[in-house]
Amino acid sequence: MKISTGDVLLVSSSNWLGEKIQDFQKCKWNHAGIFLIIENELYLCDAQKHGIRLIRFKEYKTSSRLMILRPKRKVHRKKLVHFILPYVGNTPYDFVSLVLYQPIRFLFGKWIGRKNKEANKRFTCSEWVAYIYKDVFPEWWKAAPVDLFNSEFFEKEILK
């Protein structure tokens, strides 16, 4: 299986937090990241507790189920890498969205969190991926793994 820059990784974890995220959104996927190929090396860029990071995919340790979402349209790979890299190591995780805004969205169907430019200073994992594809996800600030999974923009392929 060939993974390309711009492909998205969905993760289905069996830890406590992963299961709570899955329960709220009624979807088995609870984490997301985006793949980049830099100098012929495969990396995963995701938002996690320390903020947006870039990690060699071969160092990404997980026993979780994985799915690849492939954009159905052509992705300008070099432009995508240049857009993403300035955020790495400089953008914190959005814990408030994770523990407050997202649960309220799924429980009550209402978004009370930050929007537009107010929201692009910190991200949850899915908000980060949706922000990268904000032309497809115009309300990227409230994206959850289920929104990525359900999007017609991607083709799905189980990785493991």
Protein backbone atom coordinates (compact mmCIF):
# COMPACT_ATOMS: atom_id res chain seq x y z
CA MET A 1 0.00 0.00 0.00
CA LYS A 2 1.40 3.36 -1.03
CA ILE A 3 0.77 6.26 1.34
CA SER A 4 1.06 9.77 -0.07
CA THR A 5 1.38 13.28 1.28
CA GLY A 6 -2.14 14.44 2.13
CA ASP A 7 -3.49 11.02 3.05
CA VAL A 8 -5.19 11.01 6.44
CA LEU A 9 -4.77 8.45 9.21
CA LEU A 10 -7.72 7.52 11.42
CA VAL A 11 -7.03 5.61 14.63
CA SER A 12 -9.37 3.47 16.73
CA SER A 13 -7.86 3.21 20.22
CA SER A 14 -9.04 1.06 23.09
CA ASN A 15 -7.82 3.31 25.90
CA TRP A 16 -10.19 5.20 28.22
CA LEU A 17 -10.07 8.55 26.39
CA GLY A 18 -10.32 6.95 22.96
CA GLU A 19 -13.38 4.98 24.00
CA LYS A 20 -15.06 8.11 25.43
CA ILE A 21 -14.47 10.00 22.17
CA GLN A 22 -15.91 7.05 20.26
CA ASP A 23 -18.94 6.92 22.57
CA PHE A 24 -19.74 10.63 22.18
CA GLN A 25 -19.54 10.65 18.39
CA LYS A 26 -20.89 7.11 17.91
CA CYS A 27 -17.97 6.20 15.67
CA LYS A 28 -15.08 3.78 16.20
CA TRP A 29 -12.43 6.31 15.12
CA ASN A 30 -11.04 8.64 17.79
CA HIS A 31 -7.80 10.15 16.46
CA ALA A 32 -6.60 11.61 13.17
CA GLY A 33 -3.40 12.82 11.57
CA ILE A 34 -2.10 13.64 8.11
CA PHE A 35 0.75 12.00 6.24
CA LEU A 36 3.67 13.91 4.76
CA ILE A 37 6.57 12.60 2.75
CA ILE A 38 9.67 14.67 3.37
CA GLU A 39 12.96 13.69 1.72
CA ASN A 40 11.53 10.24 0.89
CA GLU A 41 10.60 9.59 4.53
CA LEU A 42 7.00 9.01 5.66
CA TYR A 43 5.87 11.24 8.55
CA LEU A 44 2.65 11.63 10.48
CA CYS A 45 1.61 15.14 11.54
CA ASP A 46 -1.02 15.18 14.26
CA ALA A 47 -2.30 17.22 17.16
CA GLN A 48 -1.86 15.48 20.49
CA LYS A 49 -1.43 16.59 24.12
CA HIS A 50 1.81 18.50 23.45
CA GLY A 51 0.40 20.23 20.36
CA ILE A 52 1.03 19.71 16.69
CA ARG A 53 3.91 17.34 16.10
CA LEU A 54 5.68 15.62 13.25
CA ILE A 55 6.83 12.04 13.82
CA ARG A 56 8.36 9.44 11.53
CA PHE A 57 5.56 7.00 10.87
CA LYS A 58 7.84 4.03 11.51
CA GLU A 59 8.23 5.42 15.07
CA TYR A 60 4.46 5.79 15.55
CA LYS A 61 3.76 2.99 18.00
CA THR A 62 0.20 1.76 18.26
CA SER A 63 -1.67 -1.49 18.53
CA SER A 64 -4.86 0.31 17.47
CA ARG A 65 -6.89 -0.24 14.31
CA LEU A 66 -5.85 2.13 11.53
CA MET A 67 -7.58 3.45 8.44
CA ILE A 68 -6.24 5.55 5.59
CA LEU A 69 -8.42 8.23 4.03
CA ARG A 70 -7.20 9.18 0.56
CA PRO A 71 -8.32 12.47 -1.02
CA LYS A 72 -10.28 11.79 -4.19
CA ARG A 73 -8.81 14.84 -5.88
CA LYS A 74 -5.23 15.79 -6.64
CA VAL A 75 -3.34 17.30 -3.72
CA HIS A 76 -0.57 19.83 -4.30
CA ARG A 77 1.89 17.98 -2.09
CA LYS A 78 4.71 20.53 -1.89
CA LYS A 79 2.26 23.35 -1.08
CA LEU A 80 0.65 21.18 1.60
CA VAL A 81 3.99 20.48 3.31
CA HIS A 82 4.88 24.19 3.29
CA PHE A 83 1.49 25.05 4.78
CA ILE A 84 1.77 22.47 7.59
CA LEU A 85 5.38 22.78 8.77
CA PRO A 86 5.14 26.23 10.45
CA TYR A 87 2.50 24.84 12.84
CA VAL A 88 4.68 21.94 14.01
CA GLY A 89 6.01 22.55 17.51
CA ASN A 90 4.37 25.99 17.60
CA THR A 91 0.67 25.23 18.03
CA PRO A 92 -0.85 23.87 21.26
CA TYR A 93 -3.56 21.26 21.66
CA ASP A 94 -7.13 22.44 22.23
CA PHE A 95 -8.11 20.68 25.45
CA VAL A 96 -11.15 22.93 25.94
CA SER A 97 -12.58 21.82 22.62
CA LEU A 98 -11.92 18.17 23.46
CA VAL A 99 -13.52 18.15 26.93
CA LEU A 100 -16.18 20.85 26.56
CA TYR A 101 -17.09 22.00 23.03
CA GLN A 102 -17.01 18.61 21.28
CA PRO A 103 -19.08 16.75 23.93
CA ILE A 104 -21.68 19.56 23.90
CA ARG A 105 -21.82 19.33 20.11
CA PHE A 106 -22.51 15.61 20.21
CA LEU A 107 -24.87 15.65 23.18
CA PHE A 108 -26.94 18.71 22.26
CA GLY A 109 -26.20 19.37 18.58
CA LYS A 110 -24.93 22.88 19.27
CA TRP A 111 -21.45 24.35 18.79
CA ILE A 112 -20.45 26.82 21.52
CA GLY A 113 -16.72 26.88 20.81
CA ARG A 114 -14.41 29.20 18.92
CA LYS A 115 -14.94 29.70 15.19
CA ASN A 116 -12.96 30.86 12.15
CA LYS A 117 -9.77 32.79 12.95
CA GLU A 118 -10.47 32.63 16.70
CA ALA A 119 -10.05 28.85 16.48
CA ASN A 120 -6.81 28.51 14.51
CA LYS A 121 -4.45 29.08 17.45
CA ARG A 122 -4.93 25.57 18.90
CA PHE A 123 -6.41 22.34 17.55
CA THR A 124 -7.71 18.91 18.40
CA CYS A 125 -6.50 16.20 16.03
CA SER A 126 -9.54 16.27 13.74
CA GLU A 127 -9.81 20.04 13.77
CA TRP A 128 -6.19 20.13 12.60
CA VAL A 129 -6.80 17.77 9.67
CA ALA A 130 -10.03 19.57 8.73
CA TYR A 131 -8.19 22.93 8.89
CA ILE A 132 -5.67 21.63 6.39
CA TYR A 133 -8.61 20.73 4.12
CA LYS A 134 -10.72 23.76 5.07
CA ASP A 135 -12.00 24.13 1.52
CA VAL A 136 -13.73 20.76 2.07
CA PHE A 137 -14.57 21.39 5.75
CA PRO A 138 -15.76 25.03 5.92
CA GLU A 139 -16.59 24.61 9.62
CA TRP A 140 -13.29 22.87 10.35
CA TRP A 141 -13.23 24.19 13.95
CA LYS A 142 -15.84 21.66 15.04
CA ALA A 143 -14.56 18.62 13.14
CA ALA A 144 -14.33 15.26 14.89
CA PRO A 145 -13.00 11.92 13.60
CA VAL A 146 -16.54 10.92 12.57
CA ASP A 147 -16.72 13.95 10.25
CA LEU A 148 -13.52 12.93 8.49
CA PHE A 149 -14.69 9.32 8.26
CA ASN A 150 -18.08 10.30 6.81
CA SER A 151 -16.71 12.79 4.28
CA GLU A 152 -17.26 12.04 0.60
CA PHE A 153 -13.93 13.77 -0.05
CA PHE A 154 -11.97 10.66 0.94
CA GLU A 155 -11.69 7.05 -0.20
CA LYS A 156 -11.27 4.65 2.73
CA GLU A 157 -8.77 1.82 3.14
CA ILE A 158 -8.08 -0.24 6.26
CA LEU A 159 -4.38 -0.23 7.13
CA LYS A 160 -4.53 -2.68 10.04
